[in-house]
PDB file of N, CA and C in Angstrom:
ATOM      1  N   MET A   1      96.122 102.307  81.350  1.00  0.00           N
ATOM      2  CA  MET A   1      96.435 104.109  81.299  1.00  0.00           C
ATOM      3  C   MET A   1      97.438 104.996  82.101  1.00  0.00           C
ATOM      4  N   HIS A   2      97.226 104.764  83.148  1.00  0.00           N
ATOM      5  CA  HIS A   2      97.151 105.688  84.828  1.00  0.00           C
ATOM      6  C   HIS A   2      98.513 104.961  85.281  1.00  0.00           C
ATOM      7  N   GLU A   3      99.517 105.492  85.650  1.00  0.00           N
ATOM      8  CA  GLU A   3     100.893 105.383  86.302  1.00  0.00           C
ATOM      9  C   GLU A   3     100.743 106.415  87.905  1.00  0.00           C
ATOM     10  N   GLY A   4     100.799 105.626  88.706  1.00  0.00           N
ATOM     11  CA  GLY A   4     101.283 106.279  90.015  1.00  0.00           C
ATOM     12  C   GLY A   4     102.149 105.965  90.855  1.00  0.00           C
ATOM     13  N   THR A   5     102.113 106.607  92.231  1.00  0.00           N
ATOM     14  CA  THR A   5     102.600 106.536  93.230  1.00  0.00           C
ATOM     15  C   THR A   5     102.179 104.842  93.723  1.00  0.00           C
ATOM     16  N   ILE A   6     103.002 104.569  94.991  1.00  0.00           N
ATOM     17  CA  ILE A   6     102.883 103.717  95.342  1.00  0.00           C
ATOM     18  C   ILE A   6     101.704 103.458  96.480  1.00  0.00           C
ATOM     19  N   ASN A   7     101.118 104.933  96.664  1.00  0.00           N
ATOM     20  CA  ASN A   7      99.831 104.897  97.267  1.00  0.00           C
ATOM     21  C   ASN A   7      98.750 105.640  96.502  1.00  0.00           C
ATOM     22  N   GLU A   8      98.782 106.218  95.589  1.00  0.00           N
ATOM     23  CA  GLU A   8      98.077 106.895  94.827  1.00  0.00           C
ATOM     24  C   GLU A   8      97.859 107.036  93.145  1.00  0.00           C
ATOM     25  N   ALA A   9      97.314 107.673  92.605  1.00  0.00           N
ATOM     26  CA  ALA A   9      97.456 107.559  90.864  1.00  0.00           C
ATOM     27  C   ALA A   9      96.302 108.491  89.890  1.00  0.00           C
ATOM     28  N   ALA A  10      96.825 109.730  89.880  1.00  0.00           N
ATOM     29  CA  ALA A  10      95.734 110.322  88.554  1.00  0.00           C
ATOM     30  C   ALA A  10      95.231 109.193  87.841  1.00  0.00           C
ATOM     31  N   VAL A  11      93.641 109.578  87.471  1.00  0.00           N
ATOM     32  CA  VAL A  11      92.770 109.155  87.200  1.00  0.00           C
ATOM     33  C   VAL A  11      92.232 109.916  85.580  1.00  0.00           C
ATOM     34  N   TYR A  12      92.279 110.048  84.587  1.00  0.00           N
ATOM     35  CA  TYR A  12      91.076 110.722  83.782  1.00  0.00           C
ATOM     36  C   TYR A  12      90.369 110.313  83.326  1.00  0.00           C
ATOM     37  N   PRO A  13      88.980 110.524  83.740  1.00  0.00           N
ATOM     38  CA  PRO A  13      88.113 109.680  82.384  1.00  0.00           C
ATOM     39  C   PRO A  13      87.958 109.902  81.469  1.00  0.00           C
ATOM     40  N   ARG A  14      88.293 111.323  80.725  1.00  0.00           N
ATOM     41  CA  ARG A  14      88.232 111.684  79.332  1.00  0.00           C
ATOM     42  C   ARG A  14      89.466 110.404  78.964  1.00  0.00           C
ATOM     43  N   LEU A  15      90.303 110.501  79.775  1.00  0.00           N
ATOM     44  CA  LEU A  15      90.933 109.295  78.803  1.00  0.00           C
ATOM     45  C   LEU A  15      90.637 107.960  78.489  1.00  0.00           C
ATOM     46  N   ILE A  16      89.634 107.441  79.703  1.00  0.00           N
ATOM     47  CA  ILE A  16      89.329 106.585  79.211  1.00  0.00           C
ATOM     48  C   ILE A  16      87.842 106.032  78.234  1.00  0.00           C
ATOM     49  N   VAL A  17      87.249 107.176  78.822  1.00  0.00           N
ATOM     50  CA  VAL A  17      86.555 107.601  77.455  1.00  0.00           C
ATOM     51  C   VAL A  17      87.101 107.291  76.081  1.00  0.00           C
ATOM     52  N   GLU A  18      87.970 108.040  76.010  1.00  0.00           N
ATOM     53  CA  GLU A  18      88.339 108.430  74.368  1.00  0.00           C
ATOM     54  C   GLU A  18      89.423 106.672  74.139  1.00  0.00           C
ATOM     55  N   ALA A  19      89.692 106.459  74.933  1.00  0.00           N
ATOM     56  CA  ALA A  19      89.974 104.754  74.701  1.00  0.00           C
ATOM     57  C   ALA A  19      89.250 103.827  74.383  1.00  0.00           C
ATOM     58  N   ALA A  20      88.011 104.194  74.541  1.00  0.00           N
ATOM     59  CA  ALA A  20      86.837 102.928  74.852  1.00  0.00           C
ATOM     60  C   ALA A  20      86.477 103.766  73.457  1.00  0.00           C
ATOM     61  N   LEU A  21      86.369 104.409  72.809  1.00  0.00           N
ATOM     62  CA  LEU A  21      86.028 105.193  71.564  1.00  0.00           C
ATOM     63  C   LEU A  21      86.474 104.684  70.276  1.00  0.00           C
ATOM     64  N   ARG A  22      88.298 104.838  70.864  1.00  0.00           N
ATOM     65  CA  ARG A  22      89.117 104.307  69.902  1.00  0.00           C
ATOM     66  C   ARG A  22      89.218 102.897  69.462  1.00  0.00           C
ATOM     67  N   HIS A  23      88.514 101.805  70.823  1.00  0.00           N
ATOM     68  CA  HIS A  23      89.025 100.610  70.873  1.00  0.00           C
ATOM     69  C   HIS A  23      87.311 100.297  69.979  1.00  0.00           C
ATOM     70  N   LYS A  24      86.394 100.791  70.095  1.00  0.00           N
ATOM     71  CA  LYS A  24      84.726 100.567  69.513  1.00  0.00           C
ATOM     72  C   LYS A  24      84.307  99.615  70.607  1.00  0.00           C
ATOM     73  N   ALA A  25      84.528  99.897  71.731  1.00  0.00           N
ATOM     74  CA  ALA A  25      84.080  99.396  72.849  1.00  0.00           C
ATOM     75  C   ALA A  25      82.249  99.293  73.559  1.00  0.00           C
ATOM     76  N   VAL A  26      82.017  98.257  73.660  1.00  0.00           N
ATOM     77  CA  VAL A  26      80.628  98.463  73.505  1.00  0.00           C
ATOM     78  C   VAL A  26      80.420  98.283  75.432  1.00  0.00           C
ATOM     79  N   SER A  27      81.408  97.962  76.131  1.00  0.00           N
ATOM     80  CA  SER A  27      81.523  97.944  77.490  1.00  0.00           C
ATOM     81  C   SER A  27      83.365  97.683  77.777  1.00  0.00           C
ATOM     82  N   VAL A  28      83.252  98.409  79.642  1.00  0.00           N
ATOM     83  CA  VAL A  28      84.561  98.358  79.957  1.00  0.00           C
ATOM     84  C   VAL A  28      84.638  97.500  80.837  1.00  0.00           C
ATOM     85  N   ILE A  29      86.137  97.249  81.173  1.00  0.00           N
ATOM     86  CA  ILE A  29      86.303  96.096  83.235  1.00  0.00           C
ATOM     87  C   ILE A  29      87.211  97.319  83.280  1.00  0.00           C
ATOM     88  N   LEU A  30      87.910  97.972  84.291  1.00  0.00           N
ATOM     89  CA  LEU A  30      88.185  98.290  85.142  1.00  0.00           C
ATOM     90  C   LEU A  30      89.138  97.938  85.686  1.00  0.00           C
ATOM     91  N   ALA A  31      90.108  98.088  86.164  1.00  0.00           N
ATOM     92  CA  ALA A  31      91.280  97.430  86.945  1.00  0.00           C
ATOM     93  C   ALA A  31      92.121  98.235  87.088  1.00  0.00           C
ATOM     94  N   HIS A  32      92.916  97.718  88.350  1.00  0.00           N
ATOM     95  CA  HIS A  32      94.197  98.202  89.458  1.00  0.00           C
ATOM     96  C   HIS A  32      94.435  97.760  89.906  1.00  0.00           C
ATOM     97  N   ASN A  33      95.984  97.675  90.562  1.00  0.00           N
ATOM     98  CA  ASN A  33      96.000  96.848  91.709  1.00  0.00           C
ATOM     99  C   ASN A  33      96.239  97.722  92.912  1.00  0.00           C
ATOM    100  N   HIS A  34      96.567  97.212  93.828  1.00  0.00           N
ATOM    101  CA  HIS A  34      96.398  97.756  95.283  1.00  0.00           C
ATOM    102  C   HIS A  34      97.935  96.842  95.913  1.00  0.00           C
ATOM    103  N   PRO A  35      99.480  97.401  94.941  1.00  0.00           N
ATOM    104  CA  PRO A  35     100.779  96.816  95.999  1.00  0.00           C
ATOM    105  C   PRO A  35     100.617  96.236  97.332  1.00  0.00           C
ATOM    106  N   GLY A  36     100.286  97.125  97.935  1.00  0.00           N
ATOM    107  CA  GLY A  36     100.400  96.766  99.654  1.00  0.00           C
ATOM    108  C   GLY A  36      99.714  96.079  99.791  1.00  0.00           C
ATOM    109  N   GLY A  37      98.656  95.280  99.205  1.00  0.00           N
ATOM    110  CA  GLY A  37      98.451  94.187  99.702  1.00  0.00           C
ATOM    111  C   GLY A  37      96.868  94.038  99.918  1.00  0.00           C
ATOM    112  N   GLY A  38      96.144  95.239 100.444  1.00  0.00           N
ATOM    113  CA  GLY A  38      94.825  95.676 100.651  1.00  0.00           C
ATOM    114  C   GLY A  38      94.211  95.763  99.876  1.00  0.00           C
ATOM    115  N   MET A  39      92.828  94.512  99.322  1.00  0.00           N
ATOM    116  CA  MET A  39      92.394  94.804  98.483  1.00  0.00           C
ATOM    117  C   MET A  39      90.668  95.790  98.601  1.00  0.00           C
ATOM    118  N   GLN A  40      90.723  96.246  99.812  1.00  0.00           N
ATOM    119  CA  GLN A  40      89.362  96.831  99.647  1.00  0.00           C
ATOM    120  C   GLN A  40      89.493  98.323  99.273  1.00  0.00           C
ATOM    121  N   PRO A  41      88.549  98.798  98.577  1.00  0.00           N
ATOM    122  CA  PRO A  41      88.591 100.314  98.121  1.00  0.00           C
ATOM    123  C   PRO A  41      88.723 101.187  98.829  1.00  0.00           C
ATOM    124  N   SER A  42      89.309 101.927  98.405  1.00  0.00           N
ATOM    125  CA  SER A  42      89.427 103.614  98.843  1.00  0.00           C
ATOM    126  C   SER A  42      88.077 104.474  98.917  1.00  0.00           C
ATOM    127  N   LYS A  43      87.820 105.625  99.109  1.00  0.00           N
ATOM    128  CA  LYS A  43      86.998 106.631  98.706  1.00  0.00           C
ATOM    129  C   LYS A  43      87.145 107.221  97.730  1.00  0.00           C
ATOM    130  N   ALA A  44      88.586 107.268  97.621  1.00  0.00           N
ATOM    131  CA  ALA A  44      88.866 108.002  95.783  1.00  0.00           C
ATOM    132  C   ALA A  44      88.615 106.310  95.108  1.00  0.00           C
ATOM    133  N   ASP A  45      88.673 105.630  95.524  1.00  0.00           N
ATOM    134  CA  ASP A  45      88.959 104.227  93.818  1.00  0.00           C
ATOM    135  C   ASP A  45      86.960 104.171  94.078  1.00  0.00           C
ATOM    136  N   ILE A  46      86.244 104.071  94.698  1.00  0.00           N
ATOM    137  CA  ILE A  46      84.788 104.504  94.698  1.00  0.00           C
ATOM    138  C   ILE A  46      84.715 105.113  93.763  1.00  0.00           C
ATOM    139  N   GLU A  47      84.634 106.539  93.999  1.00  0.00           N
ATOM    140  CA  GLU A  47      84.203 107.883  93.530  1.00  0.00           C
ATOM    141  C   GLU A  47      84.521 108.302  92.179  1.00  0.00           C
ATOM    142  N   VAL A  48      85.848 107.370  91.805  1.00  0.00           N
ATOM    143  CA  VAL A  48      86.254 107.505  90.253  1.00  0.00           C
ATOM    144  C   VAL A  48      85.489 106.339  89.467  1.00  0.00           C
ATOM    145  N   THR A  49      85.620 105.137  90.040  1.00  0.00           N
ATOM    146  CA  THR A  49      84.677 104.648  89.102  1.00  0.00           C
ATOM    147  C   THR A  49      83.471 104.839  89.198  1.00  0.00           C
ATOM    148  N   LEU A  50      82.522 105.517  89.850  1.00  0.00           N
ATOM    149  CA  LEU A  50      81.154 105.965  89.570  1.00  0.00           C
ATOM    150  C   LEU A  50      81.748 107.068  88.512  1.00  0.00           C
ATOM    151  N   LYS A  51      82.560 108.008  88.664  1.00  0.00           N
ATOM    152  CA  LYS A  51      82.565 109.344  87.458  1.00  0.00           C
ATOM    153  C   LYS A  51      83.126 108.619  86.045  1.00  0.00           C
ATOM    154  N   ILE A  52      83.465 107.358  86.042  1.00  0.00           N
ATOM    155  CA  ILE A  52      83.945 106.964  84.315  1.00  0.00           C
ATOM    156  C   ILE A  52      82.635 106.199  84.604  1.00  0.00           C
ATOM    157  N   LYS A  53      82.141 105.790  85.346  1.00  0.00           N
ATOM    158  CA  LYS A  53      80.641 104.748  85.012  1.00  0.00           C
ATOM    159  C   LYS A  53      79.540 105.960  84.368  1.00  0.00           C
ATOM    160  N   GLU A  54      79.957 106.812  84.855  1.00  0.00           N
ATOM    161  CA  GLU A  54      78.553 107.971  84.350  1.00  0.00           C
ATOM    162  C   GLU A  54      79.301 108.403  83.040  1.00  0.00           C
ATOM    163  N   ALA A  55      80.515 109.003  82.748  1.00  0.00           N
ATOM    164  CA  ALA A  55      80.629 108.998  81.984  1.00  0.00           C
ATOM    165  C   ALA A  55      80.907 108.279  80.437  1.00  0.00           C
ATOM    166  N   LEU A  56      81.301 106.815  80.362  1.00  0.00           N
ATOM    167  CA  LEU A  56      80.408 105.727  79.937  1.00  0.00           C
ATOM    168  C   LEU A  56      79.206 105.525  78.996  1.00  0.00           C
ATOM    169  N   LYS A  57      78.693 105.340  80.464  1.00  0.00           N
ATOM    170  CA  LYS A  57      77.014 105.912  80.128  1.00  0.00           C
ATOM    171  C   LYS A  57      76.613 106.885  78.871  1.00  0.00           C
ATOM    172  N   ALA A  58      76.983 107.793  79.366  1.00  0.00           N
ATOM    173  CA  ALA A  58      76.517 108.429  78.369  1.00  0.00           C
ATOM    174  C   ALA A  58      76.532 109.192  77.370  1.00  0.00           C
ATOM    175  N   ILE A  59      77.775 107.594  76.371  1.00  0.00           N
ATOM    176  CA  ILE A  59      77.966 107.482  75.003  1.00  0.00           C
ATOM    177  C   ILE A  59      77.130 105.807  75.097  1.00  0.00           C
ATOM    178  N   SER A  60      76.687 105.586  75.709  1.00  0.00           N
ATOM    179  CA  SER A  60      75.939 104.133  75.472  1.00  0.00           C
ATOM    180  C   SER A  60      77.268 103.285  75.568  1.00  0.00           C
ATOM    181  N   ILE A  61      77.845 103.298  76.600  1.00  0.00           N
ATOM    182  CA  ILE A  61      78.969 101.975  76.849  1.00  0.00           C
ATOM    183  C   ILE A  61      79.434 101.567  77.882  1.00  0.00           C
ATOM    184  N   GLY A  62      79.223 100.654  78.376  1.00  0.00           N
ATOM    185  CA  GLY A  62      78.661  99.325  79.899  1.00  0.00           C
ATOM    186  C   GLY A  62      80.069  99.641  80.355  1.00  0.00           C
ATOM    187  N   THR A  63      79.798  99.386  82.216  1.00  0.00           N
ATOM    188  CA  THR A  63      80.763  99.484  82.598  1.00  0.00           C
ATOM    189  C   THR A  63      80.398  97.736  83.423  1.00  0.00           C
ATOM    190  N   VAL A  64      81.226  96.989  83.203  1.00  0.00           N
ATOM    191  CA  VAL A  64      80.898  95.667  83.299  1.00  0.00           C
ATOM    192  C   VAL A  64      81.909  95.681  85.209  1.00  0.00           C
ATOM    193  N   ASP A  65      82.886  95.370  85.258  1.00  0.00           N
ATOM    194  CA  ASP A  65      83.206  95.422  86.801  1.00  0.00           C
ATOM    195  C   ASP A  65      84.655  96.376  87.002  1.00  0.00           C
ATOM    196  N   HIS A  66      84.951  96.935  87.893  1.00  0.00           N
ATOM    197  CA  HIS A  66      86.092  96.896  88.317  1.00  0.00           C
ATOM    198  C   HIS A  66      86.518  96.520  88.984  1.00  0.00           C
ATOM    199  N   VAL A  67      87.765  95.771  88.767  1.00  0.00           N
ATOM    200  CA  VAL A  67      88.446  94.555  89.992  1.00  0.00           C
ATOM    201  C   VAL A  67      90.098  95.613  90.632  1.00  0.00           C
ATOM    202  N   ILE A  68      89.952  95.213  91.158  1.00  0.00           N
ATOM    203  CA  ILE A  68      91.086  95.988  92.158  1.00  0.00           C
ATOM    204  C   ILE A  68      92.355  94.321  92.625  1.00  0.00           C
ATOM    205  N   ALA A  69      93.577  93.941  92.450  1.00  0.00           N
ATOM    206  CA  ALA A  69      94.429  92.666  91.958  1.00  0.00           C
ATOM    207  C   ALA A  69      94.711  93.782  93.088  1.00  0.00           C
ATOM    208  N   ALA A  70      95.335  92.164  94.098  1.00  0.00           N
ATOM    209  CA  ALA A  70      95.871  92.812  95.985  1.00  0.00           C
ATOM    210  C   ALA A  70      96.275  91.454  96.208  1.00  0.00           C
ATOM    211  N   GLY A  71      97.750  91.048  95.627  1.00  0.00           N
ATOM    212  CA  GLY A  71      98.607  89.818  95.767  1.00  0.00           C
ATOM    213  C   GLY A  71      97.942  88.943  95.159  1.00  0.00           C
ATOM    214  N   ASP A  72      97.445  87.928  95.583  1.00  0.00           N
ATOM    215  CA  ASP A  72      96.620  86.849  95.008  1.00  0.00           C
ATOM    216  C   ASP A  72      95.155  86.479  95.363  1.00  0.00           C
ATOM    217  N   LYS A  73      94.263  87.627  95.758  1.00  0.00           N
ATOM    218  CA  LYS A  73      93.576  88.146  95.856  1.00  0.00           C
ATOM    219  C   LYS A  73      92.893  89.032  94.943  1.00  0.00           C
ATOM    220  N   TYR A  74      91.604  89.408  95.014  1.00  0.00           N
ATOM    221  CA  TYR A  74      90.574  90.101  94.112  1.00  0.00           C
ATOM    222  C   TYR A  74      90.080  90.721  95.034  1.00  0.00           C
ATOM    223  N   TYR A  75      89.144  92.039  94.198  1.00  0.00           N
ATOM    224  CA  TYR A  75      88.036  92.716  94.706  1.00  0.00           C
ATOM    225  C   TYR A  75      87.646  93.029  93.918  1.00  0.00           C
ATOM    226  N   SER A  76      85.997  92.325  93.865  1.00  0.00           N
ATOM    227  CA  SER A  76      85.366  93.193  91.964  1.00  0.00           C
ATOM    228  C   SER A  76      84.051  93.758  92.795  1.00  0.00           C
ATOM    229  N   PHE A  77      84.178  95.316  91.902  1.00  0.00           N
ATOM    230  CA  PHE A  77      83.086  96.209  92.513  1.00  0.00           C
ATOM    231  C   PHE A  77      81.183  95.326  91.818  1.00  0.00           C
ATOM    232  N   ALA A  78      81.647  95.011  91.027  1.00  0.00           N
ATOM    233  CA  ALA A  78      80.365  94.359  90.760  1.00  0.00           C
ATOM    234  C   ALA A  78      80.043  92.691  91.065  1.00  0.00           C
ATOM    235  N   GLU A  79      80.669  92.380  91.910  1.00  0.00           N
ATOM    236  CA  GLU A  79      80.661  91.136  93.531  1.00  0.00           C
ATOM    237  C   GLU A  79      80.168  91.463  94.415  1.00  0.00           C
ATOM    238  N   ASN A  80      80.385  92.749  94.888  1.00  0.00           N
ATOM    239  CA  ASN A  80      80.056  93.705  95.998  1.00  0.00           C
ATOM    240  C   ASN A  80      79.007  94.876  95.538  1.00  0.00           C
ATOM    241  N   ASN A  81      78.195  94.656  94.665  1.00  0.00           N
ATOM    242  CA  ASN A  81      77.540  96.107  94.242  1.00  0.00           C
ATOM    243  C   ASN A  81      77.792  97.321  94.226  1.00  0.00           C
ATOM    244  N   LEU A  82      78.695  97.690  94.169  1.00  0.00           N
ATOM    245  CA  LEU A  82      79.653  98.945  93.938  1.00  0.00           C
ATOM    246  C   LEU A  82      79.391  99.050  92.527  1.00  0.00           C
ATOM    247  N   LEU A  83      78.349  98.997  91.405  1.00  0.00           N
ATOM    248  CA  LEU A  83      78.533  99.177  90.484  1.00  0.00           C
ATOM    249  C   LEU A  83      77.183  99.353  89.877  1.00  0.00           C
TER     250      LEU A  83
END
């Protein structure tokens, strides 16, 4: 849904909410990549995830997970109790 540079991307929770509504979603899984290979979420990753989760919650759409892909590894917000 969003494209960025090598080290950041603008993410607009409103667009994610609109897409979830358009597809009649009852829940979502967020995902993005870290092309540099580090899979730990940044402070900005955590903050935007919580903003998106709250925006979706307000319209009764659940957030199942946010996965960061980094090469052949991944980081799951759900598995690390960040949701």
